Amino acid sequence: MKKIILFAIIFIFSLGALSAFSATSDMKDKLAVPEKKENKLSEEEMSRLTKRVEEIRDMDKTNMTVKEKRELRKELKGIKENVKKDGGYIYIGTGTLLLIILIVILI
C-alpha cells in the first residue's frame, strides 16, 4: 500500500514538473501570480469601458471586413486585460490542483 501511495505522489510531481518545464516564456508570465499594482480603474473609466464593450457587442458585424473584425477583437482583448489588471487573480495549474486534492484526501 505504501508503494502505491509513493508511486502516486511521484507521478503527480512528475506531471507538475513536465508542465513547468514545457511552458514557453509567454506562458510562464501567465502561470505566475501577478503582483498587485496600483493601477486601479476609477468608476468613470470602468463605466466607459463597459459602454464600449456593449457598443461593440451591439454592432452589426455582417458588413465588416475581416480586418475590422480583427481590430474589434484586439480592442476587446485589450479591455479585458485592462480590467484583469485592476482586480488581480490567482492561477492554479492542473498538477497543483491534483496535488492539493490528493493531500486533502490523505489527511
Protein backbone atom coordinates (compact mmCIF):
# COMPACT_ATOMS: atom_id res chain seq x y z
CA MET A 1 0.00 0.00 0.00
CA LYS A 2 2.86 2.36 0.79
CA LYS A 3 4.43 1.71 -2.60
CA ILE A 4 1.21 2.65 -4.39
CA ILE A 5 0.97 5.93 -2.49
CA LEU A 6 4.64 6.65 -3.15
CA PHE A 7 4.24 5.99 -6.88
CA ALA A 8 1.10 8.14 -7.00
CA ILE A 9 2.90 11.07 -5.35
CA ILE A 10 5.92 10.70 -7.65
CA PHE A 11 3.58 10.56 -10.65
CA ILE A 12 1.77 13.74 -9.62
CA PHE A 13 5.03 15.60 -9.02
CA SER A 14 6.35 14.49 -12.39
CA LEU A 15 3.19 15.81 -14.08
CA GLY A 16 3.68 19.17 -12.45
CA ALA A 17 7.35 19.28 -13.43
CA LEU A 18 6.56 18.33 -17.02
CA SER A 19 4.17 21.23 -17.45
CA ALA A 20 6.56 23.64 -15.74
CA PHE A 21 9.48 22.75 -17.99
CA SER A 22 7.44 22.72 -21.19
CA ALA A 23 6.00 26.21 -20.67
CA THR A 24 7.22 28.87 -23.05
CA SER A 25 8.32 32.28 -21.85
CA ASP A 26 4.88 33.73 -22.64
CA MET A 27 3.16 31.01 -20.63
CA LYS A 28 5.48 31.47 -17.66
CA ASP A 29 4.23 35.02 -17.27
CA LYS A 30 0.64 33.77 -17.24
CA LEU A 31 1.36 30.93 -14.79
CA ALA A 32 2.90 33.19 -12.19
CA VAL A 33 0.76 35.05 -9.71
CA PRO A 34 0.66 38.67 -10.84
CA GLU A 35 1.81 41.33 -8.44
CA LYS A 36 -0.72 43.81 -7.13
CA LYS A 37 -0.22 47.10 -8.90
CA GLU A 38 -1.64 50.48 -8.10
CA ASN A 39 -3.40 50.51 -11.47
CA LYS A 40 -6.89 50.86 -10.04
CA LEU A 41 -9.52 51.94 -12.51
CA SER A 42 -11.90 54.66 -11.44
CA GLU A 43 -15.66 54.27 -11.71
CA GLU A 44 -15.67 56.62 -14.68
CA GLU A 45 -13.12 54.53 -16.57
CA MET A 46 -14.97 51.30 -15.75
CA SER A 47 -18.26 52.71 -17.00
CA ARG A 48 -16.56 53.97 -20.17
CA LEU A 49 -15.04 50.53 -20.81
CA THR A 50 -18.31 48.70 -20.19
CA LYS A 51 -20.17 51.07 -22.51
CA ARG A 52 -17.58 50.46 -25.22
CA VAL A 53 -17.91 46.68 -24.81
CA GLU A 54 -21.69 46.96 -25.08
CA GLU A 55 -21.32 49.12 -28.21
CA ILE A 56 -19.06 46.55 -29.83
CA ARG A 57 -21.40 43.67 -28.97
CA ASP A 58 -24.43 45.54 -30.32
CA MET A 59 -22.71 46.39 -33.63
CA ASP A 60 -23.87 44.81 -36.87
CA LYS A 61 -20.72 42.95 -37.89
CA THR A 62 -22.12 41.32 -41.05
CA ASN A 63 -20.92 44.13 -43.34
CA MET A 64 -17.48 44.49 -41.74
CA THR A 65 -14.29 43.31 -43.33
CA VAL A 66 -12.06 40.72 -41.71
CA LYS A 67 -9.54 43.41 -40.80
CA GLU A 68 -12.17 45.50 -38.99
CA LYS A 69 -13.42 42.47 -37.06
CA ARG A 70 -9.86 41.62 -36.05
CA GLU A 71 -9.34 45.16 -34.76
CA LEU A 72 -12.51 44.90 -32.68
CA ARG A 73 -11.33 41.58 -31.21
CA LYS A 74 -7.98 43.12 -30.33
CA GLU A 75 -9.74 46.06 -28.70
CA LEU A 76 -11.92 43.71 -26.63
CA LYS A 77 -8.87 41.70 -25.55
CA GLY A 78 -7.14 44.93 -24.51
CA ILE A 79 -10.15 45.97 -22.45
CA LYS A 80 -10.28 42.53 -20.84
CA GLU A 81 -6.58 42.67 -19.91
CA ASN A 82 -7.02 46.17 -18.51
CA VAL A 83 -9.89 45.02 -16.30
CA LYS A 84 -7.95 41.94 -15.16
CA LYS A 85 -5.03 44.14 -14.11
CA ASP A 86 -7.42 46.06 -11.92
CA GLY A 87 -8.72 43.07 -9.98
CA GLY A 88 -5.80 40.67 -9.88
CA TYR A 89 -6.22 36.90 -9.95
CA ILE A 90 -4.54 33.66 -8.97
CA TYR A 91 -3.96 30.84 -11.45
CA ILE A 92 -3.75 27.29 -10.11
CA GLY A 93 -2.38 24.72 -12.54
CA THR A 94 -3.85 21.27 -13.05
CA GLY A 95 -0.93 19.47 -11.43
CA THR A 96 -1.11 21.72 -8.40
CA LEU A 97 -4.85 21.20 -8.11
CA LEU A 98 -4.42 17.41 -8.24
CA LEU A 99 -1.71 17.59 -5.60
CA ILE A 100 -3.91 19.68 -3.30
CA ILE A 101 -6.81 17.25 -3.70
CA LEU A 102 -4.55 14.27 -3.01
CA ILE A 103 -3.15 15.87 0.13
CA VAL A 104 -6.65 16.71 1.37
CA ILE A 105 -7.79 13.13 0.77
CA LEU A 106 -4.77 11.65 2.56
CA ILE A 107 -5.12 13.92 5.55
